[in-house]
Amino acid sequence: MRSGHRCDGIVEMKRLKKGILLPVRNFAYRWNRLKLYHWAEQELFEMRNVHVMSTFYYRWLFHFSMRIVHVDKFRRLANKVIHTIPYDIRFHVA
């Protein structure tokens, strides 16, 4: 493994862990499993600065959503998608 790429592996593992914990937390809430929900919430709080997807993807998603927000049929979808993009990326792109 080359030096400098170790950090990328750690970031990828954090992304994977957060990507798994998000649906676990949602299912635990729906199924009323409070201990599991609180555990997942605590783990996610520690990873609040980790983005599941790459910045390039979020930027593309933001620009695409801004294009379709003007179409009445897609306005609700675009609004929901825009609000799933992390704040720091959303404000940097806008």
Protein backbone atom coordinates (compact mmCIF):
# COMPACT_ATOMS: atom_id res chain seq x y z
CA MET A 1 0.00 0.00 0.00
CA ARG A 2 1.44 3.38 -0.97
CA SER A 3 1.79 6.10 1.61
CA GLY A 4 -0.93 8.74 1.43
CA HIS A 5 -3.57 6.21 0.39
CA ARG A 6 -4.06 4.85 3.89
CA CYS A 7 -6.23 7.83 4.74
CA ASP A 8 -8.47 7.07 1.76
CA GLY A 9 -9.05 3.56 3.08
CA ILE A 10 -10.02 4.88 6.50
CA VAL A 11 -12.41 7.39 4.98
CA GLU A 12 -13.96 4.68 2.82
CA MET A 13 -14.50 2.47 5.88
CA LYS A 14 -16.18 5.35 7.71
CA ARG A 15 -18.41 5.97 4.69
CA LEU A 16 -19.35 2.30 4.60
CA LYS A 17 -20.05 2.23 8.34
CA LYS A 18 -22.25 5.33 8.10
CA GLY A 19 -24.00 3.92 5.04
CA ILE A 20 -24.90 0.82 7.03
CA LEU A 21 -25.87 2.64 10.24
CA LEU A 22 -28.31 5.06 8.59
CA PRO A 23 -30.82 2.37 7.51
CA VAL A 24 -30.28 0.49 10.80
CA ARG A 25 -31.29 3.60 12.71
CA ASN A 26 -34.35 4.14 10.51
CA PHE A 27 -35.52 0.53 10.80
CA ALA A 28 -34.94 0.52 14.55
CA TYR A 29 -37.12 3.62 14.85
CA ARG A 30 -39.89 2.11 12.71
CA TRP A 31 -39.82 -1.20 14.60
CA ASN A 32 -39.67 0.57 17.98
CA ARG A 33 -36.30 -0.95 18.99
CA LEU A 34 -35.16 1.92 21.19
CA LYS A 35 -31.87 0.43 22.40
CA LEU A 36 -30.76 -0.25 18.83
CA TYR A 37 -31.96 3.18 17.74
CA HIS A 38 -30.01 4.99 20.48
CA TRP A 39 -26.89 2.92 19.82
CA ALA A 40 -27.03 3.71 16.08
CA GLU A 41 -27.73 7.37 16.81
CA GLN A 42 -24.69 7.56 19.10
CA GLU A 43 -22.45 5.92 16.50
CA LEU A 44 -23.76 8.26 13.79
CA PHE A 45 -23.21 11.32 15.98
CA GLU A 46 -19.51 10.50 16.15
CA MET A 47 -19.43 10.33 12.33
CA ARG A 48 -21.45 13.48 11.63
CA ASN A 49 -18.65 14.96 9.48
CA VAL A 50 -18.37 11.87 7.25
CA HIS A 51 -20.16 12.07 3.90
CA VAL A 52 -21.55 8.81 2.54
CA MET A 53 -21.08 9.79 -1.09
CA SER A 54 -18.21 11.66 -2.75
CA THR A 55 -18.28 15.45 -3.08
CA PHE A 56 -18.44 15.11 -6.87
CA TYR A 57 -21.70 13.14 -6.59
CA TYR A 58 -23.28 15.67 -4.23
CA ARG A 59 -22.26 18.55 -6.51
CA TRP A 60 -23.77 16.81 -9.54
CA LEU A 61 -26.94 16.02 -7.60
CA PHE A 62 -27.28 19.64 -6.48
CA HIS A 63 -26.91 21.02 -10.01
CA PHE A 64 -29.31 18.45 -11.44
CA SER A 65 -31.89 19.19 -8.74
CA MET A 66 -31.61 22.92 -9.35
CA ARG A 67 -32.40 22.28 -13.03
CA ILE A 68 -35.50 20.16 -12.38
CA VAL A 69 -36.88 22.29 -9.54
CA HIS A 70 -38.40 24.60 -12.16
CA VAL A 71 -40.58 21.77 -13.51
CA ASP A 72 -43.77 21.61 -11.44
CA LYS A 73 -44.00 17.83 -11.68
CA PHE A 74 -40.52 17.38 -10.11
CA ARG A 75 -40.50 20.26 -7.61
CA ARG A 76 -41.19 18.11 -4.52
CA LEU A 77 -38.59 15.52 -5.53
CA ALA A 78 -35.95 18.19 -6.23
CA ASN A 79 -36.66 19.90 -2.90
CA LYS A 80 -36.29 16.63 -1.01
CA VAL A 81 -33.07 15.73 -2.84
CA ILE A 82 -31.53 19.16 -2.25
CA HIS A 83 -32.20 18.87 1.48
CA THR A 84 -30.45 15.48 1.70
CA ILE A 85 -27.15 17.03 0.56
CA PRO A 86 -24.88 17.89 3.51
CA TYR A 87 -24.90 21.58 4.48
CA ASP A 88 -21.23 22.30 3.89
CA ILE A 89 -21.35 20.95 0.34
CA ARG A 90 -24.69 22.59 -0.41
CA PHE A 91 -23.49 26.02 0.71
CA HIS A 92 -20.11 25.65 -0.99
CA VAL A 93 -21.75 24.80 -4.33
CA ALA A 94 -24.48 27.43 -4.07
